[in-house]
C-alpha cells in the first residue's frame, strides 16, 4: 500500500531524507556527489523552492509561490 500523498501548500517546510539500502553509502565518489548536486539544482529551477539546509542527503526546503521561480 502506498503512503498517503504529502499535503502541499505555499510556504510549507519539508524535511527530506534518503538512505542507501541497509544504510549503505549513497555517494561512492566525488562524481556521484556532483551529479546529485546538479540534479538538485535542476529540480530547484523546475519546481521552485528555497533550499535552507543541505547535509549529505538531508534537505530542508520551503515551497514558493509559483510566480517566484
PDB file of N, CA and C in Angstrom:
ATOM      1  N   UNK A   1       0.845  -1.177   0.000  1.00  0.00           N
ATOM      2  CA  UNK A   1       0.000   0.000   0.000  1.00  0.00           C
ATOM      3  C   UNK A   1       0.889   1.239   0.000  1.00  0.00           C
ATOM      4  N   UNK A   2       0.608   2.165  -0.885  1.00  0.00           N
ATOM      5  CA  UNK A   2       1.377   3.410  -0.971  1.00  0.00           C
ATOM      6  C   UNK A   2       1.053   4.315   0.207  1.00  0.00           C
ATOM      7  N   UNK A   3       2.015   5.146   0.553  1.00  0.00           N
ATOM      8  CA  UNK A   3       1.750   6.093   1.652  1.00  0.00           C
ATOM      9  C   UNK A   3       0.855   7.211   1.141  1.00  0.00           C
ATOM     10  N   UNK A   4       0.143   7.888   2.029  1.00  0.00           N
ATOM     11  CA  UNK A   4      -0.730   8.991   1.606  1.00  0.00           C
ATOM     12  C   UNK A   4       0.087  10.112   0.958  1.00  0.00           C
ATOM     13  N   UNK A   5      -0.529  10.858   0.055  1.00  0.00           N
ATOM     14  CA  UNK A   5       0.148  11.982  -0.573  1.00  0.00           C
ATOM     15  C   UNK A   5       0.491  13.040   0.469  1.00  0.00           C
ATOM     16  N   UNK A   6       1.597  13.713   0.258  1.00  0.00           N
ATOM     17  CA  UNK A   6       2.028  14.780   1.158  1.00  0.00           C
ATOM     18  C   UNK A   6       1.121  15.995   0.951  1.00  0.00           C
ATOM     19  N   UNK A   7       0.737  16.621   2.022  1.00  0.00           N
ATOM     20  CA  UNK A   7      -0.037  17.862   1.933  1.00  0.00           C
ATOM     21  C   UNK A   7       0.901  18.949   1.437  1.00  0.00           C
ATOM     22  N   UNK A   8       0.492  19.681   0.427  1.00  0.00           N
ATOM     23  CA  UNK A   8       1.327  20.726  -0.157  1.00  0.00           C
ATOM     24  C   UNK A   8       0.620  22.065  -0.071  1.00  0.00           C
ATOM     25  N   UNK A   9       1.363  23.103   0.340  1.00  0.00           N
ATOM     26  CA  UNK A   9       0.861  24.463   0.272  1.00  0.00           C
ATOM     27  C   UNK A   9       2.051  25.409   0.234  1.00  0.00           C
ATOM     28  N   UNK A  10       1.832  26.600  -0.312  1.00  0.00           N
ATOM     29  CA  UNK A  10       2.910  27.577  -0.458  1.00  0.00           C
ATOM     30  C   UNK A  10       3.489  27.945   0.896  1.00  0.00           C
ATOM     31  N   UNK A  11       4.810  28.025   0.962  1.00  0.00           N
ATOM     32  CA  UNK A  11       5.491  28.420   2.186  1.00  0.00           C
ATOM     33  C   UNK A  11       5.711  27.278   3.166  1.00  0.00           C
ATOM     34  N   UNK A  12       5.289  26.071   2.816  1.00  0.00           N
ATOM     35  CA  UNK A  12       5.458  24.930   3.719  1.00  0.00           C
ATOM     36  C   UNK A  12       6.925  24.505   3.758  1.00  0.00           C
ATOM     37  N   UNK A  13       7.376  24.026   4.908  1.00  0.00           N
ATOM     38  CA  UNK A  13       8.709  23.466   5.057  1.00  0.00           C
ATOM     39  C   UNK A  13       8.618  21.953   4.971  1.00  0.00           C
ATOM     40  N   UNK A  14       9.615  21.349   4.316  1.00  0.00           N
ATOM     41  CA  UNK A  14       9.660  19.892   4.188  1.00  0.00           C
ATOM     42  C   UNK A  14      11.051  19.397   4.563  1.00  0.00           C
ATOM     43  N   UNK A  15      11.090  18.351   5.371  1.00  0.00           N
ATOM     44  CA  UNK A  15      12.340  17.694   5.765  1.00  0.00           C
ATOM     45  C   UNK A  15      12.445  16.441   4.902  1.00  0.00           C
ATOM     46  N   UNK A  16      13.471  16.366   4.068  1.00  0.00           N
ATOM     47  CA  UNK A  16      13.600  15.284   3.098  1.00  0.00           C
ATOM     48  C   UNK A  16      14.885  14.513   3.376  1.00  0.00           C
ATOM     49  N   UNK A  17      14.774  13.199   3.493  1.00  0.00           N
ATOM     50  CA  UNK A  17      15.958  12.375   3.730  1.00  0.00           C
ATOM     51  C   UNK A  17      15.999  11.228   2.731  1.00  0.00           C
ATOM     52  N   UNK A  18      17.178  10.666   2.582  1.00  0.00           N
ATOM     53  CA  UNK A  18      17.347   9.491   1.743  1.00  0.00           C
ATOM     54  C   UNK A  18      18.503   8.682   2.291  1.00  0.00           C
ATOM     55  N   UNK A  19      18.384   7.364   2.197  1.00  0.00           N
ATOM     56  CA  UNK A  19      19.447   6.479   2.661  1.00  0.00           C
ATOM     57  C   UNK A  19      19.662   5.384   1.635  1.00  0.00           C
ATOM     58  N   UNK A  20      20.859   4.831   1.624  1.00  0.00           N
ATOM     59  CA  UNK A  20      21.143   3.689   0.783  1.00  0.00           C
ATOM     60  C   UNK A  20      20.531   2.428   1.379  1.00  0.00           C
ATOM     61  N   UNK A  21      20.484   1.380   0.597  1.00  0.00           N
ATOM     62  CA  UNK A  21      19.995   0.096   1.109  1.00  0.00           C
ATOM     63  C   UNK A  21      20.834  -0.326   2.309  1.00  0.00           C
ATOM     64  N   UNK A  22      20.181  -0.784   3.348  1.00  0.00           N
ATOM     65  CA  UNK A  22      20.846  -1.199   4.580  1.00  0.00           C
ATOM     66  C   UNK A  22      21.733  -0.089   5.144  1.00  0.00           C
ATOM     67  N   UNK A  23      21.316   1.159   4.906  1.00  0.00           N
ATOM     68  CA  UNK A  23      22.043   2.364   5.347  1.00  0.00           C
ATOM     69  C   UNK A  23      23.451   2.444   4.767  1.00  0.00           C
ATOM     70  N   UNK A  24      23.628   1.868   3.604  1.00  0.00           N
ATOM     71  CA  UNK A  24      24.904   1.918   2.905  1.00  0.00           C
ATOM     72  C   UNK A  24      25.112   3.310   2.316  1.00  0.00           C
ATOM     73  N   UNK A  25      26.303   3.571   1.833  1.00  0.00           N
ATOM     74  CA  UNK A  25      26.616   4.862   1.221  1.00  0.00           C
ATOM     75  C   UNK A  25      25.727   5.116   0.001  1.00  0.00           C
ATOM     76  N   UNK A  26      25.439   6.382  -0.227  1.00  0.00           N
ATOM     77  CA  UNK A  26      24.710   6.782  -1.427  1.00  0.00           C
ATOM     78  C   UNK A  26      25.702   7.308  -2.460  1.00  0.00           C
ATOM     79  N   UNK A  27      26.689   8.043  -1.988  1.00  0.00           N
ATOM     80  CA  UNK A  27      27.721   8.582  -2.864  1.00  0.00           C
ATOM     81  C   UNK A  27      28.986   7.741  -2.700  1.00  0.00           C
ATOM     82  N   UNK A  28      29.509   7.242  -3.804  1.00  0.00           N
ATOM     83  CA  UNK A  28      30.710   6.426  -3.739  1.00  0.00           C
ATOM     84  C   UNK A  28      31.969   7.204  -4.097  1.00  0.00           C
ATOM     85  N   UNK A  29      31.785   8.371  -4.725  1.00  0.00           N
ATOM     86  CA  UNK A  29      32.934   9.229  -5.035  1.00  0.00           C
ATOM     87  C   UNK A  29      32.434  10.653  -5.268  1.00  0.00           C
ATOM     88  N   UNK A  30      33.371  11.556  -5.518  1.00  0.00           N
ATOM     89  CA  UNK A  30      33.001  12.961  -5.719  1.00  0.00           C
ATOM     90  C   UNK A  30      32.110  13.159  -6.942  1.00  0.00           C
ATOM     91  N   UNK A  31      32.290  12.345  -7.976  1.00  0.00           N
ATOM     92  CA  UNK A  31      31.453  12.454  -9.175  1.00  0.00           C
ATOM     93  C   UNK A  31      29.990  12.167  -8.836  1.00  0.00           C
ATOM     94  N   UNK A  32      29.727  11.174  -7.991  1.00  0.00           N
ATOM     95  CA  UNK A  32      28.355  10.889  -7.552  1.00  0.00           C
ATOM     96  C   UNK A  32      27.760  12.104  -6.847  1.00  0.00           C
ATOM     97  N   UNK A  33      28.555  12.711  -5.965  1.00  0.00           N
ATOM     98  CA  UNK A  33      28.096  13.878  -5.208  1.00  0.00           C
ATOM     99  C   UNK A  33      27.799  15.040  -6.151  1.00  0.00           C
ATOM    100  N   UNK A  34      28.682  15.279  -7.119  1.00  0.00           N
ATOM    101  CA  UNK A  34      28.483  16.361  -8.087  1.00  0.00           C
ATOM    102  C   UNK A  34      27.234  16.117  -8.932  1.00  0.00           C
ATOM    103  N   UNK A  35      26.996  14.878  -9.319  1.00  0.00           N
ATOM    104  CA  UNK A  35      25.801  14.534 -10.096  1.00  0.00           C
ATOM    105  C   UNK A  35      24.545  14.825  -9.289  1.00  0.00           C
ATOM    106  N   UNK A  36      24.543  14.443  -8.008  1.00  0.00           N
ATOM    107  CA  UNK A  36      23.393  14.718  -7.144  1.00  0.00           C
ATOM    108  C   UNK A  36      23.136  16.217  -7.038  1.00  0.00           C
ATOM    109  N   UNK A  37      24.187  17.003  -6.842  1.00  0.00           N
ATOM    110  CA  UNK A  37      24.018  18.454  -6.715  1.00  0.00           C
ATOM    111  C   UNK A  37      23.491  19.075  -8.004  1.00  0.00           C
ATOM    112  N   UNK A  38      23.899  18.552  -9.144  1.00  0.00           N
ATOM    113  CA  UNK A  38      23.381  19.040 -10.429  1.00  0.00           C
ATOM    114  C   UNK A  38      21.897  18.715 -10.565  1.00  0.00           C
ATOM    115  N   UNK A  39      21.502  17.522 -10.190  1.00  0.00           N
ATOM    116  CA  UNK A  39      20.079  17.156 -10.224  1.00  0.00           C
ATOM    117  C   UNK A  39      19.288  18.042  -9.270  1.00  0.00           C
ATOM    118  N   UNK A  40      19.842  18.299  -8.100  1.00  0.00           N
ATOM    119  CA  UNK A  40      19.185  19.172  -7.123  1.00  0.00           C
ATOM    120  C   UNK A  40      19.001  20.572  -7.695  1.00  0.00           C
ATOM    121  N   UNK A  41      20.017  21.091  -8.380  1.00  0.00           N
ATOM    122  CA  UNK A  41      19.920  22.423  -8.996  1.00  0.00           C
ATOM    123  C   UNK A  41      18.811  22.461 -10.047  1.00  0.00           C
ATOM    124  N   UNK A  42      18.737  21.424 -10.881  1.00  0.00           N
ATOM    125  CA  UNK A  42      17.712  21.382 -11.931  1.00  0.00           C
ATOM    126  C   UNK A  42      16.311  21.282 -11.349  1.00  0.00           C
ATOM    127  N   UNK A  43      16.134  20.491 -10.298  1.00  0.00           N
ATOM    128  CA  UNK A  43      14.796  20.388  -9.696  1.00  0.00           C
ATOM    129  C   UNK A  43      14.390  21.697  -9.036  1.00  0.00           C
ATOM    130  N   UNK A  44      15.360  22.408  -8.463  1.00  0.00           N
ATOM    131  CA  UNK A  44      15.057  23.703  -7.853  1.00  0.00           C
ATOM    132  C   UNK A  44      14.545  24.677  -8.905  1.00  0.00           C
ATOM    133  N   UNK A  45      15.193  24.696 -10.068  1.00  0.00           N
ATOM    134  CA  UNK A  45      14.740  25.576 -11.157  1.00  0.00           C
ATOM    135  C   UNK A  45      13.364  25.164 -11.666  1.00  0.00           C
ATOM    136  N   UNK A  46      13.121  23.876 -11.753  1.00  0.00           N
ATOM    137  CA  UNK A  46      11.863  23.385 -12.327  1.00  0.00           C
ATOM    138  C   UNK A  46      10.678  23.544 -11.375  1.00  0.00           C
ATOM    139  N   UNK A  47      10.873  23.216 -10.100  1.00  0.00           N
ATOM    140  CA  UNK A  47       9.743  23.162  -9.167  1.00  0.00           C
ATOM    141  C   UNK A  47       9.665  24.353  -8.231  1.00  0.00           C
ATOM    142  N   UNK A  48      10.717  25.131  -8.116  1.00  0.00           N
ATOM    143  CA  UNK A  48      10.692  26.337  -7.313  1.00  0.00           C
ATOM    144  C   UNK A  48      10.566  26.075  -5.826  1.00  0.00           C
ATOM    145  N   UNK A  49      11.663  26.142  -5.125  1.00  0.00           N
ATOM    146  CA  UNK A  49      11.683  26.034  -3.673  1.00  0.00           C
ATOM    147  C   UNK A  49      12.954  26.685  -3.163  1.00  0.00           C
ATOM    148  N   UNK A  50      12.961  27.011  -1.892  1.00  0.00           N
ATOM    149  CA  UNK A  50      14.171  27.525  -1.254  1.00  0.00           C
ATOM    150  C   UNK A  50      14.824  26.367  -0.521  1.00  0.00           C
ATOM    151  N   UNK A  51      16.102  26.191  -0.752  1.00  0.00           N
ATOM    152  CA  UNK A  51      16.850  25.155  -0.047  1.00  0.00           C
ATOM    153  C   UNK A  51      17.486  25.820   1.166  1.00  0.00           C
ATOM    154  N   UNK A  52      17.027  25.466   2.360  1.00  0.00           N
ATOM    155  CA  UNK A  52      17.507  26.095   3.592  1.00  0.00           C
ATOM    156  C   UNK A  52      18.697  25.360   4.183  1.00  0.00           C
ATOM    157  N   UNK A  53      18.792  24.065   3.959  1.00  0.00           N
ATOM    158  CA  UNK A  53      19.901  23.295   4.531  1.00  0.00           C
ATOM    159  C   UNK A  53      20.178  22.088   3.658  1.00  0.00           C
ATOM    160  N   UNK A  54      21.452  21.723   3.612  1.00  0.00           N
ATOM    161  CA  UNK A  54      21.869  20.536   2.864  1.00  0.00           C
ATOM    162  C   UNK A  54      22.996  19.879   3.648  1.00  0.00           C
ATOM    163  N   UNK A  55      22.812  18.626   3.999  1.00  0.00           N
ATOM    164  CA  UNK A  55      23.856  17.860   4.667  1.00  0.00           C
ATOM    165  C   UNK A  55      23.722  16.422   4.203  1.00  0.00           C
ATOM    166  N   UNK A  56      24.717  15.957   3.449  1.00  0.00           N
ATOM    167  CA  UNK A  56      24.637  14.634   2.837  1.00  0.00           C
ATOM    168  C   UNK A  56      23.386  14.594   1.969  1.00  0.00           C
ATOM    169  N   UNK A  57      22.359  13.864   2.360  1.00  0.00           N
ATOM    170  CA  UNK A  57      21.091  13.894   1.624  1.00  0.00           C
ATOM    171  C   UNK A  57      19.932  14.152   2.580  1.00  0.00           C
ATOM    172  N   UNK A  58      20.148  15.092   3.483  1.00  0.00           N
ATOM    173  CA  UNK A  58      19.074  15.607   4.326  1.00  0.00           C
ATOM    174  C   UNK A  58      18.846  17.039   3.859  1.00  0.00           C
ATOM    175  N   UNK A  59      17.647  17.315   3.404  1.00  0.00           N
ATOM    176  CA  UNK A  59      17.320  18.637   2.872  1.00  0.00           C
ATOM    177  C   UNK A  59      16.212  19.267   3.694  1.00  0.00           C
ATOM    178  N   UNK A  60      16.307  20.567   3.901  1.00  0.00           N
ATOM    179  CA  UNK A  60      15.200  21.347   4.455  1.00  0.00           C
ATOM    180  C   UNK A  60      14.822  22.335   3.359  1.00  0.00           C
ATOM    181  N   UNK A  61      13.641  22.169   2.796  1.00  0.00           N
ATOM    182  CA  UNK A  61      13.211  23.032   1.699  1.00  0.00           C
ATOM    183  C   UNK A  61      11.884  23.700   2.045  1.00  0.00           C
ATOM    184  N   UNK A  62      11.647  24.840   1.411  1.00  0.00           N
ATOM    185  CA  UNK A  62      10.370  25.546   1.582  1.00  0.00           C
ATOM    186  C   UNK A  62       9.812  25.828   0.202  1.00  0.00           C
ATOM    187  N   UNK A  63       8.558  25.502   0.005  1.00  0.00           N
ATOM    188  CA  UNK A  63       7.904  25.757  -1.277  1.00  0.00           C
ATOM    189  C   UNK A  63       7.701  27.256  -1.464  1.00  0.00           C
ATOM    190  N   UNK A  64       7.663  27.668  -2.713  1.00  0.00           N
ATOM    191  CA  UNK A  64       7.469  29.074  -3.068  1.00  0.00           C
ATOM    192  C   UNK A  64       6.188  29.247  -3.863  1.00  0.00           C
ATOM    193  N   UNK A  65       5.608  30.449  -3.809  1.00  0.00           N
ATOM    194  CA  UNK A  65       4.504  30.728  -4.724  1.00  0.00           C
ATOM    195  C   UNK A  65       4.992  30.594  -6.167  1.00  0.00           C
ATOM    196  N   UNK A  66       4.150  30.162  -7.046  1.00  0.00           N
ATOM    197  CA  UNK A  66       4.544  29.859  -8.425  1.00  0.00           C
ATOM    198  C   UNK A  66       5.230  31.038  -9.124  1.00  0.00           C
ATOM    199  N   UNK A  67       4.849  32.267  -8.854  1.00  0.00           N
ATOM    200  CA  UNK A  67       5.427  33.398  -9.555  1.00  0.00           C
ATOM    201  C   UNK A  67       6.850  33.709  -9.106  1.00  0.00           C
ATOM    202  N   UNK A  68       7.360  33.096  -8.044  1.00  0.00           N
ATOM    203  CA  UNK A  68       8.693  33.411  -7.537  1.00  0.00           C
ATOM    204  C   UNK A  68       9.785  32.525  -8.103  1.00  0.00           C
ATOM    205  N   UNK A  69       9.490  31.578  -8.981  1.00  0.00           N
ATOM    206  CA  UNK A  69      10.572  30.744  -9.526  1.00  0.00           C
ATOM    207  C   UNK A  69      10.532  30.704 -11.019  1.00  0.00           C
TER     208      UNK A  69
END
